[in-house]
Protein backbone atom coordinates (compact mmCIF):
# COMPACT_ATOMS: atom_id res chain seq x y z
CA UNK A 1 0.00 0.00 0.00
CA UNK A 2 1.20 3.51 -0.83
CA UNK A 3 1.76 5.31 2.50
CA UNK A 4 1.96 8.73 0.86
CA UNK A 5 -1.47 8.51 -0.73
CA UNK A 6 -3.46 5.57 0.65
CA UNK A 7 -6.36 6.26 -1.73
CA UNK A 8 -4.84 7.32 -5.07
CA UNK A 9 -8.26 7.43 -6.76
CA UNK A 10 -10.01 9.78 -4.34
CA UNK A 11 -9.49 12.77 -6.64
CA UNK A 12 -10.32 11.02 -9.93
CA UNK A 13 -13.18 12.65 -11.79
CA UNK A 14 -14.26 15.95 -13.30
CA UNK A 15 -13.24 19.27 -11.72
CA UNK A 16 -14.90 22.43 -13.02
CA UNK A 17 -14.59 26.18 -12.46
CA UNK A 18 -17.74 27.89 -11.14
CA UNK A 19 -18.51 29.34 -14.56
CA UNK A 20 -17.98 25.94 -16.23
CA UNK A 21 -15.39 27.36 -18.64
CA UNK A 22 -12.55 25.09 -17.45
CA UNK A 23 -13.31 21.36 -17.21
CA UNK A 24 -10.42 19.35 -15.82
CA UNK A 25 -10.85 15.56 -15.86
CA UNK A 26 -8.45 13.47 -13.77
CA UNK A 27 -8.47 9.94 -15.17
CA UNK A 28 -7.72 6.81 -13.10
CA UNK A 29 -4.74 5.93 -15.34
CA UNK A 30 -2.79 9.02 -14.22
CA UNK A 31 -3.71 11.09 -17.27
CA UNK A 32 -5.71 14.31 -17.39
CA UNK A 33 -7.75 16.04 -20.08
CA UNK A 34 -8.58 19.73 -19.77
CA UNK A 35 -11.27 21.46 -21.81
CA UNK A 36 -11.56 25.25 -22.10
CA UNK A 37 -14.85 26.67 -23.29
CA UNK A 38 -15.82 24.87 -26.50
CA UNK A 39 -12.27 23.60 -26.99
CA UNK A 40 -12.23 19.95 -25.92
CA UNK A 41 -8.88 18.44 -24.96
CA UNK A 42 -7.18 21.84 -24.93
CA UNK A 43 -4.49 20.35 -22.69
CA UNK A 44 -3.62 16.73 -21.99
CA UNK A 45 -0.87 15.05 -20.04
CA UNK A 46 -0.18 13.07 -16.90
CA UNK A 47 -0.37 13.84 -13.21
CA UNK A 48 0.89 12.47 -9.91
CA UNK A 49 -0.58 13.02 -6.48
CA UNK A 50 1.21 12.90 -3.14
CA UNK A 51 -1.09 13.59 -0.23
CA UNK A 52 -3.14 16.60 -1.30
CA UNK A 53 -0.55 17.97 -3.75
CA UNK A 54 -0.86 17.37 -7.50
CA UNK A 55 1.88 17.75 -10.13
CA UNK A 56 1.04 18.00 -13.84
CA UNK A 57 3.16 17.51 -16.94
CA UNK A 58 1.33 18.18 -20.17
CA UNK A 59 2.23 16.38 -23.38
CA UNK A 60 4.29 19.37 -24.56
CA UNK A 61 6.43 19.22 -21.40
CA UNK A 62 4.87 22.19 -19.57
CA UNK A 63 4.62 21.61 -15.81
CA UNK A 64 2.24 22.95 -13.18
CA UNK A 65 1.02 21.99 -9.75
CA UNK A 66 -1.86 22.49 -7.39
CA UNK A 67 -3.44 21.21 -4.22
CA UNK A 68 -6.73 19.92 -2.89
CA UNK A 69 -8.28 21.48 0.19
CA UNK A 70 -11.83 21.00 1.52
CA UNK A 71 -13.04 19.31 -1.70
CA UNK A 72 -11.67 22.14 -3.87
CA UNK A 73 -8.81 21.95 -6.39
CA UNK A 74 -6.55 25.01 -6.53
CA UNK A 75 -4.50 24.92 -9.72
CA UNK A 76 -2.61 27.66 -11.60
CA UNK A 77 -4.71 30.48 -10.17
CA UNK A 78 -7.95 28.60 -10.83
CA UNK A 79 -10.44 27.24 -8.32
CA UNK A 80 -12.17 24.05 -9.44
CA UNK A 81 -14.97 22.11 -7.80
CA UNK A 82 -15.74 18.42 -8.16
CA UNK A 83 -18.58 17.81 -10.55
CA UNK A 84 -21.09 15.37 -9.09
C-alpha atoms as a PDB file:
ATOM      1  CA  UNK A   1       0.000   0.000   0.000  1.00  0.00           C
ATOM      2  CA  UNK A   2       1.200   3.513  -0.827  1.00  0.00           C
ATOM      3  CA  UNK A   3       1.763   5.308   2.501  1.00  0.00           C
ATOM      4  CA  UNK A   4       1.964   8.735   0.861  1.00  0.00           C
ATOM      5  CA  UNK A   5      -1.472   8.505  -0.734  1.00  0.00           C
ATOM      6  CA  UNK A   6      -3.462   5.570   0.651  1.00  0.00           C
ATOM      7  CA  UNK A   7      -6.356   6.264  -1.731  1.00  0.00           C
ATOM      8  CA  UNK A   8      -4.836   7.319  -5.070  1.00  0.00           C
ATOM      9  CA  UNK A   9      -8.264   7.431  -6.762  1.00  0.00           C
ATOM     10  CA  UNK A  10     -10.010   9.784  -4.336  1.00  0.00           C
ATOM     11  CA  UNK A  11      -9.491  12.768  -6.640  1.00  0.00           C
ATOM     12  CA  UNK A  12     -10.319  11.019  -9.934  1.00  0.00           C
ATOM     13  CA  UNK A  13     -13.183  12.654 -11.787  1.00  0.00           C
ATOM     14  CA  UNK A  14     -14.256  15.948 -13.302  1.00  0.00           C
ATOM     15  CA  UNK A  15     -13.239  19.266 -11.720  1.00  0.00           C
ATOM     16  CA  UNK A  16     -14.903  22.427 -13.024  1.00  0.00           C
ATOM     17  CA  UNK A  17     -14.594  26.181 -12.464  1.00  0.00           C
ATOM     18  CA  UNK A  18     -17.745  27.887 -11.141  1.00  0.00           C
ATOM     19  CA  UNK A  19     -18.515  29.342 -14.557  1.00  0.00           C
ATOM     20  CA  UNK A  20     -17.984  25.941 -16.231  1.00  0.00           C
ATOM     21  CA  UNK A  21     -15.393  27.356 -18.644  1.00  0.00           C
ATOM     22  CA  UNK A  22     -12.554  25.092 -17.451  1.00  0.00           C
ATOM     23  CA  UNK A  23     -13.310  21.360 -17.206  1.00  0.00           C
ATOM     24  CA  UNK A  24     -10.422  19.345 -15.819  1.00  0.00           C
ATOM     25  CA  UNK A  25     -10.846  15.558 -15.865  1.00  0.00           C
ATOM     26  CA  UNK A  26      -8.448  13.465 -13.770  1.00  0.00           C
ATOM     27  CA  UNK A  27      -8.468   9.941 -15.172  1.00  0.00           C
ATOM     28  CA  UNK A  28      -7.716   6.814 -13.104  1.00  0.00           C
ATOM     29  CA  UNK A  29      -4.739   5.926 -15.337  1.00  0.00           C
ATOM     30  CA  UNK A  30      -2.789   9.022 -14.224  1.00  0.00           C
ATOM     31  CA  UNK A  31      -3.715  11.093 -17.275  1.00  0.00           C
ATOM     32  CA  UNK A  32      -5.714  14.308 -17.391  1.00  0.00           C
ATOM     33  CA  UNK A  33      -7.746  16.040 -20.075  1.00  0.00           C
ATOM     34  CA  UNK A  34      -8.579  19.728 -19.766  1.00  0.00           C
ATOM     35  CA  UNK A  35     -11.267  21.465 -21.815  1.00  0.00           C
ATOM     36  CA  UNK A  36     -11.560  25.245 -22.097  1.00  0.00           C
ATOM     37  CA  UNK A  37     -14.848  26.671 -23.292  1.00  0.00           C
ATOM     38  CA  UNK A  38     -15.818  24.874 -26.498  1.00  0.00           C
ATOM     39  CA  UNK A  39     -12.265  23.597 -26.995  1.00  0.00           C
ATOM     40  CA  UNK A  40     -12.230  19.947 -25.925  1.00  0.00           C
ATOM     41  CA  UNK A  41      -8.882  18.442 -24.957  1.00  0.00           C
ATOM     42  CA  UNK A  42      -7.180  21.837 -24.930  1.00  0.00           C
ATOM     43  CA  UNK A  43      -4.487  20.353 -22.691  1.00  0.00           C
ATOM     44  CA  UNK A  44      -3.618  16.733 -21.991  1.00  0.00           C
ATOM     45  CA  UNK A  45      -0.875  15.053 -20.036  1.00  0.00           C
ATOM     46  CA  UNK A  46      -0.179  13.074 -16.901  1.00  0.00           C
ATOM     47  CA  UNK A  47      -0.375  13.836 -13.212  1.00  0.00           C
ATOM     48  CA  UNK A  48       0.890  12.469  -9.910  1.00  0.00           C
ATOM     49  CA  UNK A  49      -0.584  13.020  -6.480  1.00  0.00           C
ATOM     50  CA  UNK A  50       1.207  12.903  -3.144  1.00  0.00           C
ATOM     51  CA  UNK A  51      -1.085  13.587  -0.233  1.00  0.00           C
ATOM     52  CA  UNK A  52      -3.140  16.601  -1.302  1.00  0.00           C
ATOM     53  CA  UNK A  53      -0.547  17.966  -3.749  1.00  0.00           C
ATOM     54  CA  UNK A  54      -0.864  17.369  -7.502  1.00  0.00           C
ATOM     55  CA  UNK A  55       1.878  17.746 -10.131  1.00  0.00           C
ATOM     56  CA  UNK A  56       1.043  18.005 -13.838  1.00  0.00           C
ATOM     57  CA  UNK A  57       3.162  17.511 -16.945  1.00  0.00           C
ATOM     58  CA  UNK A  58       1.328  18.175 -20.169  1.00  0.00           C
ATOM     59  CA  UNK A  59       2.229  16.381 -23.380  1.00  0.00           C
ATOM     60  CA  UNK A  60       4.293  19.367 -24.565  1.00  0.00           C
ATOM     61  CA  UNK A  61       6.433  19.220 -21.395  1.00  0.00           C
ATOM     62  CA  UNK A  62       4.870  22.188 -19.574  1.00  0.00           C
ATOM     63  CA  UNK A  63       4.619  21.612 -15.811  1.00  0.00           C
ATOM     64  CA  UNK A  64       2.242  22.948 -13.183  1.00  0.00           C
ATOM     65  CA  UNK A  65       1.024  21.995  -9.749  1.00  0.00           C
ATOM     66  CA  UNK A  66      -1.862  22.487  -7.387  1.00  0.00           C
ATOM     67  CA  UNK A  67      -3.443  21.206  -4.218  1.00  0.00           C
ATOM     68  CA  UNK A  68      -6.729  19.918  -2.889  1.00  0.00           C
ATOM     69  CA  UNK A  69      -8.285  21.483   0.186  1.00  0.00           C
ATOM     70  CA  UNK A  70     -11.827  20.997   1.517  1.00  0.00           C
ATOM     71  CA  UNK A  71     -13.036  19.312  -1.697  1.00  0.00           C
ATOM     72  CA  UNK A  72     -11.667  22.145  -3.874  1.00  0.00           C
ATOM     73  CA  UNK A  73      -8.807  21.948  -6.388  1.00  0.00           C
ATOM     74  CA  UNK A  74      -6.548  25.011  -6.525  1.00  0.00           C
ATOM     75  CA  UNK A  75      -4.503  24.921  -9.723  1.00  0.00           C
ATOM     76  CA  UNK A  76      -2.607  27.661 -11.603  1.00  0.00           C
ATOM     77  CA  UNK A  77      -4.712  30.479 -10.174  1.00  0.00           C
ATOM     78  CA  UNK A  78      -7.953  28.597 -10.827  1.00  0.00           C
ATOM     79  CA  UNK A  79     -10.437  27.238  -8.318  1.00  0.00           C
ATOM     80  CA  UNK A  80     -12.175  24.055  -9.443  1.00  0.00           C
ATOM     81  CA  UNK A  81     -14.973  22.109  -7.801  1.00  0.00           C
ATOM     82  CA  UNK A  82     -15.739  18.422  -8.157  1.00  0.00           C
ATOM     83  CA  UNK A  83     -18.584  17.808 -10.546  1.00  0.00           C
ATOM     84  CA  UNK A  84     -21.086  15.366  -9.086  1.00  0.00           C
END
